C-alpha atoms as a PDB file:
ATOM      1  CA  MET A   1       0.000   0.000   0.000  1.00  0.00           C
ATOM      2  CA  PHE A   2       1.236   3.467  -0.915  1.00  0.00           C
ATOM      3  CA  VAL A   3       1.222   6.485   1.393  1.00  0.00           C
ATOM      4  CA  ALA A   4      -0.532   9.636   0.168  1.00  0.00           C
ATOM      5  CA  THR A   5       0.839  12.936   1.453  1.00  0.00           C
ATOM      6  CA  LEU A   6      -1.061  16.181   1.075  1.00  0.00           C
ATOM      7  CA  ALA A   7       0.853  18.567  -1.187  1.00  0.00           C
ATOM      8  CA  GLY A   8      -1.778  21.250  -0.661  1.00  0.00           C
ATOM      9  CA  VAL A   9      -5.384  22.318  -0.930  1.00  0.00           C
ATOM     10  CA  PHE A  10      -5.961  24.934  -3.597  1.00  0.00           C
ATOM     11  CA  LYS A  11      -8.801  26.897  -5.113  1.00  0.00           C
ATOM     12  CA  TYR A  12      -8.876  26.052  -8.803  1.00  0.00           C
ATOM     13  CA  ALA A  13      -8.041  29.667  -9.650  1.00  0.00           C
ATOM     14  CA  ASP A  14      -4.861  29.413  -7.511  1.00  0.00           C
ATOM     15  CA  LEU A  15      -3.791  25.930  -8.576  1.00  0.00           C
ATOM     16  CA  PRO A  16      -0.088  25.649  -9.501  1.00  0.00           C
ATOM     17  CA  GLU A  17       0.217  25.106 -13.251  1.00  0.00           C
ATOM     18  CA  LYS A  18       2.051  21.791 -12.894  1.00  0.00           C
ATOM     19  CA  TYR A  19      -1.098  20.185 -11.418  1.00  0.00           C
ATOM     20  CA  GLY A  20      -3.439  21.410 -14.163  1.00  0.00           C
ATOM     21  CA  PRO A  21      -3.295  18.288 -16.365  1.00  0.00           C
ATOM     22  CA  PHE A  22      -3.906  15.987 -13.382  1.00  0.00           C
ATOM     23  CA  VAL A  23      -6.918  18.058 -12.291  1.00  0.00           C
ATOM     24  CA  GLN A  24      -8.372  18.109 -15.803  1.00  0.00           C
ATOM     25  CA  TYR A  25      -7.961  14.343 -16.095  1.00  0.00           C
ATOM     26  CA  LYS A  26      -9.630  13.671 -12.717  1.00  0.00           C
ATOM     27  CA  ALA A  27     -12.458  16.074 -13.619  1.00  0.00           C
ATOM     28  CA  SER A  28     -13.133  14.054 -16.766  1.00  0.00           C
ATOM     29  CA  ILE A  29     -13.241  10.806 -14.750  1.00  0.00           C
ATOM     30  CA  ASP A  30     -15.542  12.311 -12.093  1.00  0.00           C
ATOM     31  CA  ASP A  31     -17.678  14.116 -14.718  1.00  0.00           C
ATOM     32  CA  LYS A  32     -16.960  17.309 -12.767  1.00  0.00           C
ATOM     33  CA  THR A  33     -17.324  20.846 -14.062  1.00  0.00           C
ATOM     34  CA  ILE A  34     -14.587  22.808 -12.321  1.00  0.00           C
ATOM     35  CA  THR A  35     -15.207  26.309 -10.980  1.00  0.00           C
ATOM     36  CA  ASP A  36     -12.601  28.778  -9.731  1.00  0.00           C
ATOM     37  CA  ALA A  37     -13.978  28.409  -6.186  1.00  0.00           C
ATOM     38  CA  ASP A  38     -13.569  24.604  -6.002  1.00  0.00           C
ATOM     39  CA  ASP A  39     -11.335  23.293  -3.205  1.00  0.00           C
ATOM     40  CA  ILE A  40      -8.945  20.757  -4.698  1.00  0.00           C
ATOM     41  CA  ALA A  41      -6.635  18.586  -2.624  1.00  0.00           C
ATOM     42  CA  ILE A  42      -3.451  17.398  -4.310  1.00  0.00           C
ATOM     43  CA  LEU A  43      -1.860  14.259  -2.886  1.00  0.00           C
ATOM     44  CA  ASP A  44       1.647  13.049  -3.674  1.00  0.00           C
ATOM     45  CA  ILE A  45       1.934   9.272  -3.673  1.00  0.00           C
ATOM     46  CA  THR A  46       5.156   8.425  -1.830  1.00  0.00           C
ATOM     47  CA  GLY A  47       7.633   6.338  -3.793  1.00  0.00           C
ATOM     48  CA  THR A  48       6.068   7.224  -7.148  1.00  0.00           C
ATOM     49  CA  GLU A  49       5.806  10.170  -9.496  1.00  0.00           C
ATOM     50  CA  SER A  50       2.025   9.985  -9.143  1.00  0.00           C
ATOM     51  CA  VAL A  51      -0.331  12.736  -8.061  1.00  0.00           C
ATOM     52  CA  TYR A  52      -3.863  12.034  -6.827  1.00  0.00           C
ATOM     53  CA  VAL A  53      -6.536  14.716  -7.117  1.00  0.00           C
ATOM     54  CA  LEU A  54      -9.544  15.110  -4.820  1.00  0.00           C
ATOM     55  CA  PHE A  55     -12.381  17.549  -5.460  1.00  0.00           C
ATOM     56  CA  LEU A  56     -13.338  18.062  -1.824  1.00  0.00           C
ATOM     57  CA  ASP A  57     -16.981  18.949  -2.557  1.00  0.00           C
ATOM     58  CA  LEU A  58     -17.566  15.463  -3.995  1.00  0.00           C
ATOM     59  CA  TYR A  59     -17.009  13.766  -0.627  1.00  0.00           C
ATOM     60  CA  LYS A  60     -19.293  13.785   2.406  1.00  0.00           C
ATOM     61  CA  SER A  61     -16.599  12.767   4.872  1.00  0.00           C
ATOM     62  CA  LEU A  62     -12.987  11.785   5.261  1.00  0.00           C
ATOM     63  CA  GLU A  63     -14.140   8.161   5.302  1.00  0.00           C
ATOM     64  CA  ASP A  64     -15.333   8.586   1.693  1.00  0.00           C
ATOM     65  CA  ILE A  65     -11.836   9.751   0.737  1.00  0.00           C
ATOM     66  CA  ASP A  66     -10.261   6.822   2.600  1.00  0.00           C
ATOM     67  CA  GLU A  67     -12.482   4.390   0.675  1.00  0.00           C
ATOM     68  CA  GLU A  68     -11.528   5.891  -2.684  1.00  0.00           C
ATOM     69  CA  LEU A  69      -7.837   5.778  -1.833  1.00  0.00           C
ATOM     70  CA  LYS A  70      -8.109   2.107  -0.804  1.00  0.00           C
ATOM     71  CA  VAL A  71      -9.177   1.303  -4.354  1.00  0.00           C
ATOM     72  CA  ALA A  72      -6.000   3.060  -5.528  1.00  0.00           C
ATOM     73  CA  ASP A  73      -3.983   1.023  -2.990  1.00  0.00           C
ATOM     74  CA  ALA A  74      -3.092   4.155  -1.014  1.00  0.00           C
ATOM     75  CA  LYS A  75      -3.791   5.665   2.380  1.00  0.00           C
ATOM     76  CA  LEU A  76      -3.388   9.142   3.817  1.00  0.00           C
ATOM     77  CA  ASN A  77      -0.554   9.767   6.229  1.00  0.00           C
ATOM     78  CA  HIS A  78      -1.538  10.995   9.688  1.00  0.00           C
ATOM     79  CA  ARG A  79      -0.794  14.702   9.174  1.00  0.00           C
ATOM     80  CA  SER A  80      -2.614  14.833   5.827  1.00  0.00           C
ATOM     81  CA  LYS A  81      -5.630  13.176   7.416  1.00  0.00           C
ATOM     82  CA  GLN A  82      -5.655  15.790  10.198  1.00  0.00           C
ATOM     83  CA  VAL A  83      -5.614  18.668   7.711  1.00  0.00           C
ATOM     84  CA  LEU A  84      -8.373  17.216   5.538  1.00  0.00           C
ATOM     85  CA  GLU A  85     -10.554  16.451   8.568  1.00  0.00           C
ATOM     86  CA  GLY A  86     -10.890  20.213   8.982  1.00  0.00           C
ATOM     87  CA  TYR A  87     -12.856  20.385   5.724  1.00  0.00           C
ATOM     88  CA  TYR A  88     -15.493  17.970   7.010  1.00  0.00           C
ATOM     89  CA  GLU A  89     -16.113  19.186  10.561  1.00  0.00           C
END
């Protein structure tokens, strides 16, 4: 299992350019229309060059995120989990 570390949470309008293609790809998978106000979490997958994108408004709880990451054979590290919990309290 891979460890996912939060690289940051960004509004789409403030997203660093290097993450743009990953966000566009995930939006196409999730059938998501992105707005400038969307909160987007970017996760780095430790030991890989992979980036995982989460549109935070698509999840009801941190448990929903954990379930999705399990399918990708990844789990959030403790600190990342603490930060993302703040979006669901």
